[in-house]
């Protein structure tokens, strides 16, 4: 079993920054694609960013590209999402997730290809 715990959410002003963390326990991320998704009230849970745990290849939603940076520390089983230039539309609950299989890497944007999820952390951006 994989347990994922997000942290680092909070309230920031538009234009500000936050860094989210996702730490795994129970099992390693070593063979997994890891991703961040977000969900606002009344909205679908949408892809934000993903990273290949071994190779470090990164993928971003168009809406966050150039503002957010995904990274990981393999030794700490921790993934990060550095969020800069935050906008009110970035307000959501942010979830980290593990890809179910490396074969789904080309479909990193599809939430159905992830099998373990954290509890989420709230990000609020004030205008």
Protein backbone atom coordinates (compact mmCIF):
# COMPACT_ATOMS: atom_id res chain seq x y z
CA UNK A 1 0.00 0.00 0.00
CA UNK A 2 1.15 3.52 -0.82
CA UNK A 3 0.26 6.45 1.40
CA UNK A 4 0.61 9.96 0.03
CA UNK A 5 0.43 13.09 2.16
CA UNK A 6 0.37 16.61 0.75
CA UNK A 7 1.39 19.71 2.64
CA UNK A 8 2.22 23.34 1.99
CA UNK A 9 -1.14 24.73 0.97
CA UNK A 10 -2.42 28.00 2.29
CA UNK A 11 -3.63 31.49 1.48
CA UNK A 12 -1.55 33.78 -0.70
CA UNK A 13 -2.11 36.97 -2.63
CA UNK A 14 -2.24 36.97 -6.41
CA UNK A 15 1.28 37.03 -7.75
CA UNK A 16 2.62 35.20 -4.74
CA UNK A 17 4.19 31.78 -4.39
CA UNK A 18 3.68 28.51 -2.57
CA UNK A 19 5.54 25.23 -2.55
CA UNK A 20 3.55 22.06 -2.12
CA UNK A 21 5.08 18.81 -0.93
CA UNK A 22 3.93 15.24 -1.32
CA UNK A 23 5.59 12.56 0.77
CA UNK A 24 5.11 8.85 0.34
CA UNK A 25 5.21 6.20 3.02
CA UNK A 26 4.87 2.45 2.91
CA UNK A 27 6.36 2.12 -0.57
CA UNK A 28 8.76 3.89 -2.86
CA UNK A 29 8.01 6.00 -5.92
CA UNK A 30 10.94 4.45 -7.77
CA UNK A 31 9.00 2.90 -10.66
CA UNK A 32 6.14 5.38 -10.84
CA UNK A 33 5.00 8.42 -12.72
CA UNK A 34 3.93 10.96 -10.11
CA UNK A 35 1.52 13.78 -10.70
CA UNK A 36 -0.29 16.76 -9.29
CA UNK A 37 -3.97 17.40 -9.93
CA UNK A 38 -6.31 20.07 -8.67
CA UNK A 39 -10.03 20.40 -8.15
CA UNK A 40 -12.06 23.53 -7.56
CA UNK A 41 -15.64 23.42 -6.25
CA UNK A 42 -18.01 22.29 -8.96
CA UNK A 43 -15.14 21.47 -11.30
CA UNK A 44 -13.49 18.31 -12.56
CA UNK A 45 -10.23 17.13 -11.07
CA UNK A 46 -7.72 18.34 -13.63
CA UNK A 47 -4.11 17.61 -14.42
CA UNK A 48 -1.49 20.12 -13.29
CA UNK A 49 1.95 18.53 -13.65
CA UNK A 50 3.70 15.17 -13.63
CA UNK A 51 7.21 13.82 -13.31
CA UNK A 52 8.90 10.54 -14.16
CA UNK A 53 10.42 9.32 -10.91
CA UNK A 54 13.50 7.74 -12.43
CA UNK A 55 14.24 9.88 -15.45
CA UNK A 56 12.82 13.14 -14.17
CA UNK A 57 10.91 14.03 -17.33
CA UNK A 58 8.32 16.67 -16.59
CA UNK A 59 4.92 17.51 -18.02
CA UNK A 60 2.70 20.53 -17.43
CA UNK A 61 -0.79 21.69 -18.14
CA UNK A 62 -0.82 24.69 -20.45
CA UNK A 63 -2.49 26.76 -17.76
CA UNK A 64 0.50 26.48 -15.40
CA UNK A 65 3.44 26.14 -17.76
CA UNK A 66 6.06 28.76 -17.03
CA UNK A 67 4.66 29.42 -13.56
CA UNK A 68 4.78 26.04 -11.81
CA UNK A 69 7.74 23.70 -11.46
CA UNK A 70 7.51 20.06 -10.46
CA UNK A 71 10.47 18.30 -8.88
CA UNK A 72 11.30 15.39 -6.65
CA UNK A 73 13.79 14.16 -4.08
CA UNK A 74 14.02 10.43 -4.60
CA UNK A 75 15.91 9.76 -1.38
CA UNK A 76 13.17 11.45 0.64
CA UNK A 77 10.29 9.96 -1.36
CA UNK A 78 9.04 13.49 -1.74
CA UNK A 79 7.64 15.41 -4.68
CA UNK A 80 7.27 19.18 -4.86
CA UNK A 81 5.23 21.68 -6.78
CA UNK A 82 6.69 25.17 -6.76
CA UNK A 83 3.91 27.57 -7.69
CA UNK A 84 4.85 31.10 -8.69
CA UNK A 85 2.82 34.00 -10.07
CA UNK A 86 -0.32 32.54 -8.57
CA UNK A 87 -3.67 33.64 -9.95
CA UNK A 88 -7.13 33.54 -8.36
CA UNK A 89 -8.06 30.81 -10.85
CA UNK A 90 -5.39 28.59 -9.28
CA UNK A 91 -7.55 28.28 -6.17
CA UNK A 92 -8.31 24.60 -5.65
CA UNK A 93 -7.59 21.55 -3.59
CA UNK A 94 -4.32 20.12 -4.87
CA UNK A 95 -3.77 16.36 -4.87
CA UNK A 96 -0.69 14.30 -5.49
CA UNK A 97 -1.05 10.91 -7.11
CA UNK A 98 0.93 7.91 -8.31
CA UNK A 99 0.59 6.55 -11.80
CA UNK A 100 -0.77 3.03 -11.94
CA UNK A 101 1.75 1.87 -14.53
CA UNK A 102 4.65 3.27 -16.51
CA UNK A 103 2.83 2.22 -19.67
CA UNK A 104 0.44 5.11 -19.04
CA UNK A 105 3.17 7.74 -19.09
CA UNK A 106 2.06 9.01 -22.53
CA UNK A 107 -1.32 9.67 -20.93
CA UNK A 108 0.00 11.48 -17.87
CA UNK A 109 -2.84 14.00 -18.07
CA UNK A 110 -5.55 11.39 -17.43
CA UNK A 111 -6.50 11.08 -13.76
CA UNK A 112 -7.85 7.60 -14.41
CA UNK A 113 -4.28 6.38 -14.90
CA UNK A 114 -3.33 7.08 -11.27
CA UNK A 115 -4.04 4.58 -8.53
CA UNK A 116 -3.02 6.22 -5.25
CA UNK A 117 -4.03 9.69 -4.12
CA UNK A 118 -3.26 11.96 -1.22
CA UNK A 119 -5.90 13.69 0.86
CA UNK A 120 -5.38 17.04 -0.80
CA UNK A 121 -4.18 20.42 0.38
CA UNK A 122 -6.10 23.67 -0.07
CA UNK A 123 -4.59 26.52 -2.05
CA UNK A 124 -6.40 29.84 -1.91
CA UNK A 125 -5.32 32.86 -3.93
CA UNK A 126 -6.78 36.26 -3.12
CA UNK A 127 -7.05 39.02 -5.68
